[in-house]
Amino acid sequence: MSLTLKPITRENFDAVIDLQLLDHQAHYLASNAYSIAQASFFPHYKTRAIYAAGELVGFLMYVSRKEEGSPGEYGIWRFMIDARHQGKGYGRRALQLAIDEIQSNIDAERISTCYFPENPIAKDFYGSFGFVETGIDEDGEMNAEIRL
């Protein structure tokens, strides 16, 4: 099954903000609407709709940290697969596509992400890609990174 990342547009905006997490996951992530609004103010925030065989299944946002004085560093700040599509391998393939897209930037050296320590699924998921935990931040989230 083909999986693709596409920009958020007028045509898919409503569908992307309607994507839902499972109830117990909702507190782990800012809403897609909030993320898209953030990206509208910061051009170095990249939002992507995740499609499987042409069907919308998820959303992600990554950022270049160059504007913050950290060239070569990127962060995956939002990543979700709709509740109806979890457990089908879409998350794994979408994260690899995101890593590949980030890595295509000539300056890319490192990708970071964060998750709540009480979310062992996120820890195992990112760890399977080689992300290494670097410590808890001021918001109580675990930071992890992978060097490219």
N, C-alpha and C. Protein backbone atom coordinates (compact mmCIF):
# COMPACT_ATOMS: atom_id res chain seq x y z
N MET A 1 0.84 -1.18 0.00
CA MET A 1 0.00 0.00 0.00
C MET A 1 0.88 1.24 0.00
N SER A 2 0.54 2.20 -0.86
CA SER A 2 1.34 3.42 -0.95
C SER A 2 0.95 4.40 0.15
N LEU A 3 1.95 5.03 0.71
CA LEU A 3 1.75 6.05 1.73
C LEU A 3 2.45 7.30 1.27
N THR A 4 1.79 8.45 1.40
CA THR A 4 2.39 9.71 0.95
C THR A 4 2.15 10.81 1.98
N LEU A 5 3.02 11.79 1.96
CA LEU A 5 2.87 13.00 2.76
C LEU A 5 2.53 14.13 1.80
N LYS A 6 1.49 14.89 2.12
CA LYS A 6 1.07 16.00 1.26
C LYS A 6 0.88 17.25 2.12
N PRO A 7 1.11 18.41 1.52
CA PRO A 7 0.88 19.66 2.27
C PRO A 7 -0.59 19.81 2.65
N ILE A 8 -0.83 20.62 3.67
CA ILE A 8 -2.20 20.97 4.04
C ILE A 8 -2.66 22.07 3.08
N THR A 9 -3.83 21.87 2.52
CA THR A 9 -4.39 22.82 1.54
C THR A 9 -5.83 23.15 1.93
N ARG A 10 -6.43 24.06 1.19
CA ARG A 10 -7.85 24.36 1.39
C ARG A 10 -8.70 23.10 1.20
N GLU A 11 -8.26 22.25 0.29
CA GLU A 11 -9.04 21.05 -0.03
C GLU A 11 -9.01 19.99 1.08
N ASN A 12 -7.94 19.89 1.84
CA ASN A 12 -7.88 18.85 2.86
C ASN A 12 -7.91 19.38 4.30
N PHE A 13 -7.93 20.70 4.44
CA PHE A 13 -7.88 21.32 5.77
C PHE A 13 -8.96 20.79 6.71
N ASP A 14 -10.22 20.84 6.31
CA ASP A 14 -11.31 20.39 7.18
C ASP A 14 -11.16 18.93 7.57
N ALA A 15 -10.80 18.09 6.62
CA ALA A 15 -10.63 16.66 6.91
C ALA A 15 -9.48 16.44 7.89
N VAL A 16 -8.40 17.19 7.76
CA VAL A 16 -7.25 17.03 8.66
C VAL A 16 -7.63 17.46 10.07
N ILE A 17 -8.36 18.55 10.22
CA ILE A 17 -8.70 18.96 11.59
C ILE A 17 -9.76 18.05 12.21
N ASP A 18 -10.45 17.28 11.39
CA ASP A 18 -11.44 16.32 11.91
C ASP A 18 -10.83 14.99 12.33
N LEU A 19 -9.56 14.74 12.04
CA LEU A 19 -8.92 13.50 12.46
C LEU A 19 -8.95 13.41 13.98
N GLN A 20 -9.12 12.21 14.51
CA GLN A 20 -9.26 12.00 15.95
C GLN A 20 -8.27 10.97 16.48
N LEU A 21 -7.83 11.20 17.70
CA LEU A 21 -7.04 10.21 18.43
C LEU A 21 -8.00 9.36 19.27
N LEU A 22 -7.49 8.26 19.79
CA LEU A 22 -8.25 7.50 20.78
C LEU A 22 -8.40 8.37 22.03
N ASP A 23 -9.45 8.17 22.80
CA ASP A 23 -9.72 9.01 23.96
C ASP A 23 -8.52 9.12 24.89
N HIS A 24 -7.86 8.01 25.18
CA HIS A 24 -6.74 8.05 26.13
C HIS A 24 -5.49 8.70 25.55
N GLN A 25 -5.47 9.01 24.25
CA GLN A 25 -4.32 9.66 23.62
C GLN A 25 -4.50 11.18 23.48
N ALA A 26 -5.71 11.66 23.63
CA ALA A 26 -6.04 13.06 23.31
C ALA A 26 -5.18 14.07 24.07
N HIS A 27 -4.82 13.77 25.31
CA HIS A 27 -4.03 14.74 26.09
C HIS A 27 -2.54 14.74 25.72
N TYR A 28 -2.11 13.83 24.86
CA TYR A 28 -0.71 13.77 24.48
C TYR A 28 -0.33 14.78 23.39
N LEU A 29 -1.30 15.37 22.71
CA LEU A 29 -0.99 16.11 21.49
C LEU A 29 -1.88 17.33 21.34
N ALA A 30 -1.29 18.44 20.88
CA ALA A 30 -2.09 19.62 20.53
C ALA A 30 -2.96 19.26 19.34
N SER A 31 -4.06 19.97 19.20
CA SER A 31 -4.97 19.67 18.10
C SER A 31 -4.33 19.98 16.75
N ASN A 32 -4.82 19.30 15.73
CA ASN A 32 -4.33 19.56 14.38
C ASN A 32 -4.65 21.00 13.96
N ALA A 33 -5.81 21.51 14.35
CA ALA A 33 -6.18 22.88 14.02
C ALA A 33 -5.17 23.86 14.62
N TYR A 34 -4.80 23.65 15.88
CA TYR A 34 -3.82 24.52 16.53
C TYR A 34 -2.48 24.44 15.82
N SER A 35 -2.07 23.25 15.46
CA SER A 35 -0.78 23.07 14.77
C SER A 35 -0.77 23.78 13.42
N ILE A 36 -1.85 23.66 12.68
CA ILE A 36 -1.94 24.31 11.37
C ILE A 36 -1.93 25.83 11.56
N ALA A 37 -2.62 26.32 12.57
CA ALA A 37 -2.61 27.75 12.86
C ALA A 37 -1.19 28.22 13.19
N GLN A 38 -0.48 27.48 14.03
CA GLN A 38 0.91 27.82 14.34
C GLN A 38 1.74 27.93 13.07
N ALA A 39 1.61 26.94 12.21
CA ALA A 39 2.41 26.90 10.99
C ALA A 39 2.09 28.07 10.06
N SER A 40 0.90 28.62 10.17
CA SER A 40 0.56 29.75 9.29
C SER A 40 1.36 31.00 9.67
N PHE A 41 1.89 31.05 10.88
CA PHE A 41 2.68 32.19 11.33
C PHE A 41 4.19 31.97 11.21
N PHE A 42 4.60 30.72 11.05
CA PHE A 42 6.02 30.39 11.02
C PHE A 42 6.33 29.53 9.79
N PRO A 43 6.92 30.12 8.75
CA PRO A 43 7.14 29.37 7.52
C PRO A 43 8.08 28.19 7.65
N HIS A 44 8.84 28.11 8.72
CA HIS A 44 9.74 26.97 8.92
C HIS A 44 9.04 25.80 9.61
N TYR A 45 7.75 25.93 9.90
CA TYR A 45 6.93 24.82 10.38
C TYR A 45 6.31 24.16 9.15
N LYS A 46 6.50 22.88 9.00
CA LYS A 46 6.00 22.15 7.83
C LYS A 46 4.91 21.19 8.27
N THR A 47 3.71 21.39 7.76
CA THR A 47 2.60 20.50 8.08
C THR A 47 2.38 19.54 6.92
N ARG A 48 2.03 18.30 7.25
CA ARG A 48 1.80 17.28 6.24
C ARG A 48 0.58 16.43 6.61
N ALA A 49 -0.23 16.20 5.61
CA ALA A 49 -1.32 15.23 5.73
C ALA A 49 -0.75 13.88 5.31
N ILE A 50 -1.13 12.84 6.00
CA ILE A 50 -0.64 11.49 5.71
C ILE A 50 -1.76 10.74 4.99
N TYR A 51 -1.45 10.24 3.81
CA TYR A 51 -2.43 9.51 3.00
C TYR A 51 -1.97 8.08 2.76
N ALA A 52 -2.88 7.14 2.89
CA ALA A 52 -2.64 5.73 2.55
C ALA A 52 -3.56 5.40 1.39
N ALA A 53 -2.98 5.06 0.26
CA ALA A 53 -3.75 4.74 -0.94
C ALA A 53 -4.81 5.80 -1.22
N GLY A 54 -4.43 7.07 -1.06
CA GLY A 54 -5.33 8.17 -1.35
C GLY A 54 -6.29 8.56 -0.25
N GLU A 55 -6.33 7.80 0.85
CA GLU A 55 -7.23 8.11 1.97
C GLU A 55 -6.45 8.80 3.09
N LEU A 56 -6.98 9.90 3.61
CA LEU A 56 -6.36 10.62 4.70
C LEU A 56 -6.36 9.76 5.96
N VAL A 57 -5.18 9.57 6.56
CA VAL A 57 -5.09 8.73 7.76
C VAL A 57 -4.37 9.40 8.92
N GLY A 58 -3.72 10.54 8.68
CA GLY A 58 -2.98 11.16 9.78
C GLY A 58 -2.43 12.53 9.44
N PHE A 59 -1.67 13.06 10.40
CA PHE A 59 -1.13 14.41 10.32
C PHE A 59 0.21 14.45 11.02
N LEU A 60 1.12 15.28 10.51
CA LEU A 60 2.36 15.54 11.22
C LEU A 60 2.83 16.95 10.94
N MET A 61 3.64 17.46 11.85
CA MET A 61 4.28 18.75 11.67
C MET A 61 5.71 18.64 12.15
N TYR A 62 6.62 19.13 11.31
CA TYR A 62 8.02 19.21 11.74
C TYR A 62 8.52 20.62 11.51
N VAL A 63 9.60 20.96 12.18
CA VAL A 63 10.13 22.32 12.11
C VAL A 63 11.64 22.28 11.90
N SER A 64 12.11 23.29 11.22
CA SER A 64 13.55 23.55 11.16
C SER A 64 13.88 24.43 12.36
N ARG A 65 14.92 24.11 13.08
CA ARG A 65 15.31 24.90 14.26
C ARG A 65 16.31 25.99 13.90
N LYS A 66 16.56 26.17 12.61
CA LYS A 66 17.50 27.19 12.12
C LYS A 66 17.12 28.57 12.62
N GLU A 67 15.83 28.89 12.60
CA GLU A 67 15.34 30.20 13.05
C GLU A 67 15.65 30.44 14.53
N GLU A 68 15.83 29.36 15.27
CA GLU A 68 16.13 29.46 16.70
C GLU A 68 17.62 29.46 16.96
N GLY A 69 18.41 29.50 15.89
CA GLY A 69 19.86 29.50 16.03
C GLY A 69 20.48 28.12 16.08
N SER A 70 19.75 27.12 15.62
CA SER A 70 20.27 25.75 15.62
C SER A 70 20.18 25.15 14.21
N PRO A 71 21.02 25.63 13.29
CA PRO A 71 20.97 25.07 11.93
C PRO A 71 21.30 23.59 11.94
N GLY A 72 20.65 22.86 11.06
CA GLY A 72 20.88 21.42 10.97
C GLY A 72 20.01 20.60 11.90
N GLU A 73 19.29 21.28 12.78
CA GLU A 73 18.41 20.58 13.72
C GLU A 73 16.96 20.74 13.28
N TYR A 74 16.23 19.64 13.37
CA TYR A 74 14.82 19.60 13.02
C TYR A 74 14.08 18.93 14.16
N GLY A 75 12.82 19.29 14.32
CA GLY A 75 12.02 18.67 15.36
C GLY A 75 10.69 18.18 14.79
N ILE A 76 10.33 16.96 15.14
CA ILE A 76 8.99 16.46 14.82
C ILE A 76 8.14 16.81 16.03
N TRP A 77 7.29 17.81 15.85
CA TRP A 77 6.52 18.35 16.97
C TRP A 77 5.13 17.77 17.08
N ARG A 78 4.57 17.34 15.98
CA ARG A 78 3.24 16.74 16.02
C ARG A 78 3.23 15.52 15.11
N PHE A 79 2.58 14.48 15.56
CA PHE A 79 2.50 13.27 14.75
C PHE A 79 1.34 12.45 15.27
N MET A 80 0.38 12.18 14.39
CA MET A 80 -0.77 11.39 14.82
C MET A 80 -1.34 10.60 13.65
N ILE A 81 -1.87 9.43 14.00
CA ILE A 81 -2.63 8.62 13.06
C ILE A 81 -4.05 8.56 13.62
N ASP A 82 -5.03 8.80 12.75
CA ASP A 82 -6.42 8.79 13.15
C ASP A 82 -6.77 7.47 13.85
N ALA A 83 -7.62 7.56 14.86
CA ALA A 83 -8.00 6.39 15.66
C ALA A 83 -8.47 5.22 14.80
N ARG A 84 -9.18 5.51 13.71
CA ARG A 84 -9.71 4.44 12.85
C ARG A 84 -8.63 3.73 12.04
N HIS A 85 -7.44 4.31 12.00
CA HIS A 85 -6.39 3.75 11.15
C HIS A 85 -5.16 3.30 11.93
N GLN A 86 -5.23 3.32 13.24
CA GLN A 86 -4.09 2.88 14.03
C GLN A 86 -3.94 1.36 13.96
N GLY A 87 -2.71 0.89 14.13
CA GLY A 87 -2.45 -0.54 14.13
C GLY A 87 -2.31 -1.15 12.75
N LYS A 88 -2.20 -0.32 11.73
CA LYS A 88 -2.08 -0.82 10.36
C LYS A 88 -0.69 -0.59 9.76
N GLY A 89 0.23 -0.07 10.57
CA GLY A 89 1.59 0.19 10.08
C GLY A 89 1.76 1.55 9.43
N TYR A 90 0.72 2.36 9.40
CA TYR A 90 0.83 3.67 8.75
C TYR A 90 1.78 4.60 9.49
N GLY A 91 1.75 4.56 10.81
CA GLY A 91 2.63 5.41 11.60
C GLY A 91 4.09 5.15 11.31
N ARG A 92 4.44 3.89 11.26
CA ARG A 92 5.84 3.52 11.00
C ARG A 92 6.28 4.02 9.62
N ARG A 93 5.44 3.80 8.62
CA ARG A 93 5.81 4.24 7.27
C ARG A 93 5.81 5.76 7.17
N ALA A 94 4.87 6.42 7.82
CA ALA A 94 4.81 7.88 7.76
C ALA A 94 6.01 8.52 8.45
N LEU A 95 6.42 7.97 9.59
CA LEU A 95 7.59 8.52 10.26
C LEU A 95 8.83 8.36 9.39
N GLN A 96 8.96 7.23 8.72
CA GLN A 96 10.12 7.04 7.85
C GLN A 96 10.09 8.05 6.70
N LEU A 97 8.91 8.30 6.13
CA LEU A 97 8.80 9.32 5.08
C LEU A 97 9.18 10.71 5.61
N ALA A 98 8.75 11.03 6.82
CA ALA A 98 9.10 12.32 7.41
C ALA A 98 10.61 12.43 7.63
N ILE A 99 11.22 11.36 8.15
CA ILE A 99 12.67 11.36 8.34
C ILE A 99 13.37 11.54 6.99
N ASP A 100 12.90 10.83 5.97
CA ASP A 100 13.49 10.96 4.64
C ASP A 100 13.36 12.38 4.10
N GLU A 101 12.18 12.99 4.29
CA GLU A 101 11.96 14.35 3.82
C GLU A 101 12.88 15.33 4.54
N ILE A 102 13.00 15.19 5.84
CA ILE A 102 13.89 16.06 6.62
C ILE A 102 15.33 15.85 6.17
N GLN A 103 15.70 14.60 6.01
CA GLN A 103 17.07 14.26 5.63
C GLN A 103 17.44 14.80 4.25
N SER A 104 16.45 15.07 3.41
CA SER A 104 16.73 15.60 2.08
C SER A 104 17.22 17.05 2.13
N ASN A 105 17.06 17.70 3.27
CA ASN A 105 17.62 19.04 3.45
C ASN A 105 19.12 18.91 3.67
N ILE A 106 19.88 19.62 2.89
CA ILE A 106 21.33 19.46 2.90
C ILE A 106 21.95 19.71 4.28
N ASP A 107 21.30 20.54 5.09
CA ASP A 107 21.88 20.87 6.39
C ASP A 107 21.47 19.90 7.51
N ALA A 108 20.57 18.97 7.23
CA ALA A 108 20.01 18.11 8.28
C ALA A 108 21.08 17.26 8.97
N GLU A 109 21.18 17.43 10.28
CA GLU A 109 22.14 16.66 11.08
C GLU A 109 21.47 15.88 12.21
N ARG A 110 20.33 16.42 12.68
CA ARG A 110 19.70 15.82 13.85
C ARG A 110 18.20 16.07 13.80
N ILE A 111 17.43 15.08 14.26
CA ILE A 111 15.99 15.22 14.40
C ILE A 111 15.63 14.90 15.85
N SER A 112 14.85 15.76 16.44
CA SER A 112 14.40 15.51 17.81
C SER A 112 12.88 15.37 17.84
N THR A 113 12.40 14.78 18.91
CA THR A 113 10.97 14.69 19.17
C THR A 113 10.81 14.64 20.67
N CYS A 114 9.59 14.68 21.13
CA CYS A 114 9.34 14.53 22.56
C CYS A 114 8.01 13.82 22.77
N TYR A 115 7.87 13.25 23.94
CA TYR A 115 6.65 12.53 24.31
C TYR A 115 6.60 12.46 25.83
N PHE A 116 5.43 12.18 26.33
CA PHE A 116 5.28 12.08 27.78
C PHE A 116 5.88 10.76 28.26
N PRO A 117 6.62 10.81 29.37
CA PRO A 117 7.27 9.59 29.88
C PRO A 117 6.28 8.46 30.17
N GLU A 118 5.03 8.80 30.47
CA GLU A 118 4.04 7.75 30.77
C GLU A 118 3.44 7.15 29.49
N ASN A 119 4.05 7.43 28.35
CA ASN A 119 3.58 6.89 27.07
C ASN A 119 4.63 5.90 26.54
N PRO A 120 4.62 4.65 27.04
CA PRO A 120 5.64 3.69 26.63
C PRO A 120 5.54 3.30 25.16
N ILE A 121 4.37 3.44 24.57
CA ILE A 121 4.23 3.12 23.14
C ILE A 121 5.06 4.09 22.31
N ALA A 122 5.01 5.39 22.65
CA ALA A 122 5.82 6.39 21.94
C ALA A 122 7.30 6.11 22.15
N LYS A 123 7.69 5.80 23.36
CA LYS A 123 9.11 5.51 23.65
C LYS A 123 9.60 4.36 22.77
N ASP A 124 8.86 3.27 22.74
CA ASP A 124 9.26 2.11 21.95
C ASP A 124 9.23 2.40 20.45
N PHE A 125 8.22 3.14 20.02
CA PHE A 125 8.07 3.48 18.61
C PHE A 125 9.27 4.30 18.12
N TYR A 126 9.55 5.41 18.79
CA TYR A 126 10.68 6.24 18.36
C TYR A 126 12.01 5.53 18.56
N GLY A 127 12.12 4.77 19.63
CA GLY A 127 13.34 4.00 19.87
C GLY A 127 13.64 3.02 18.75
N SER A 128 12.60 2.46 18.15
CA SER A 128 12.80 1.49 17.06
C SER A 128 13.40 2.15 15.81
N PHE A 129 13.34 3.48 15.74
CA PHE A 129 13.95 4.21 14.63
C PHE A 129 15.35 4.71 14.98
N GLY A 130 15.77 4.47 16.21
CA GLY A 130 17.09 4.91 16.63
C GLY A 130 17.09 6.18 17.46
N PHE A 131 15.91 6.71 17.81
CA PHE A 131 15.86 7.89 18.67
C PHE A 131 16.35 7.50 20.05
N VAL A 132 17.20 8.34 20.62
CA VAL A 132 17.78 8.11 21.93
C VAL A 132 17.28 9.19 22.87
N GLU A 133 16.81 8.78 24.03
CA GLU A 133 16.31 9.74 25.01
C GLU A 133 17.45 10.61 25.53
N THR A 134 17.16 11.93 25.66
CA THR A 134 18.18 12.87 26.13
C THR A 134 17.78 13.57 27.42
N GLY A 135 16.60 13.31 27.94
CA GLY A 135 16.19 13.89 29.21
C GLY A 135 14.83 14.54 29.16
N ILE A 136 14.34 14.86 30.34
CA ILE A 136 13.03 15.48 30.52
C ILE A 136 13.18 17.00 30.41
N ASP A 137 12.25 17.63 29.68
CA ASP A 137 12.31 19.09 29.54
C ASP A 137 11.46 19.77 30.61
N GLU A 138 11.40 21.10 30.55
CA GLU A 138 10.69 21.89 31.57
C GLU A 138 9.18 21.65 31.56
N ASP A 139 8.66 21.08 30.48
CA ASP A 139 7.23 20.75 30.41
C ASP A 139 6.93 19.32 30.87
N GLY A 140 7.96 18.62 31.32
CA GLY A 140 7.77 17.25 31.79
C GLY A 140 7.76 16.22 30.68
N GLU A 141 8.17 16.61 29.48
CA GLU A 141 8.20 15.68 28.34
C GLU A 141 9.61 15.11 28.15
N MET A 142 9.65 13.86 27.74
CA MET A 142 10.92 13.22 27.42
C MET A 142 11.34 13.67 26.04
N ASN A 143 12.58 14.12 25.92
CA ASN A 143 13.15 14.47 24.63
C ASN A 143 13.96 13.29 24.13
N ALA A 144 13.91 13.10 22.82
CA ALA A 144 14.69 12.04 22.18
C ALA A 144 15.17 12.57 20.84
N GLU A 145 16.31 12.07 20.39
CA GLU A 145 16.86 12.54 19.11
C GLU A 145 17.55 11.42 18.37
N ILE A 146 17.68 11.67 17.09
CA ILE A 146 18.43 10.77 16.22
C ILE A 146 19.40 11.63 15.42
N ARG A 147 20.62 11.17 15.32
CA ARG A 147 21.62 11.88 14.51
C ARG A 147 21.65 11.25 13.13
N LEU A 148 21.69 12.10 12.12
CA LEU A 148 21.65 11.62 10.73
C LEU A 148 23.06 11.46 10.18
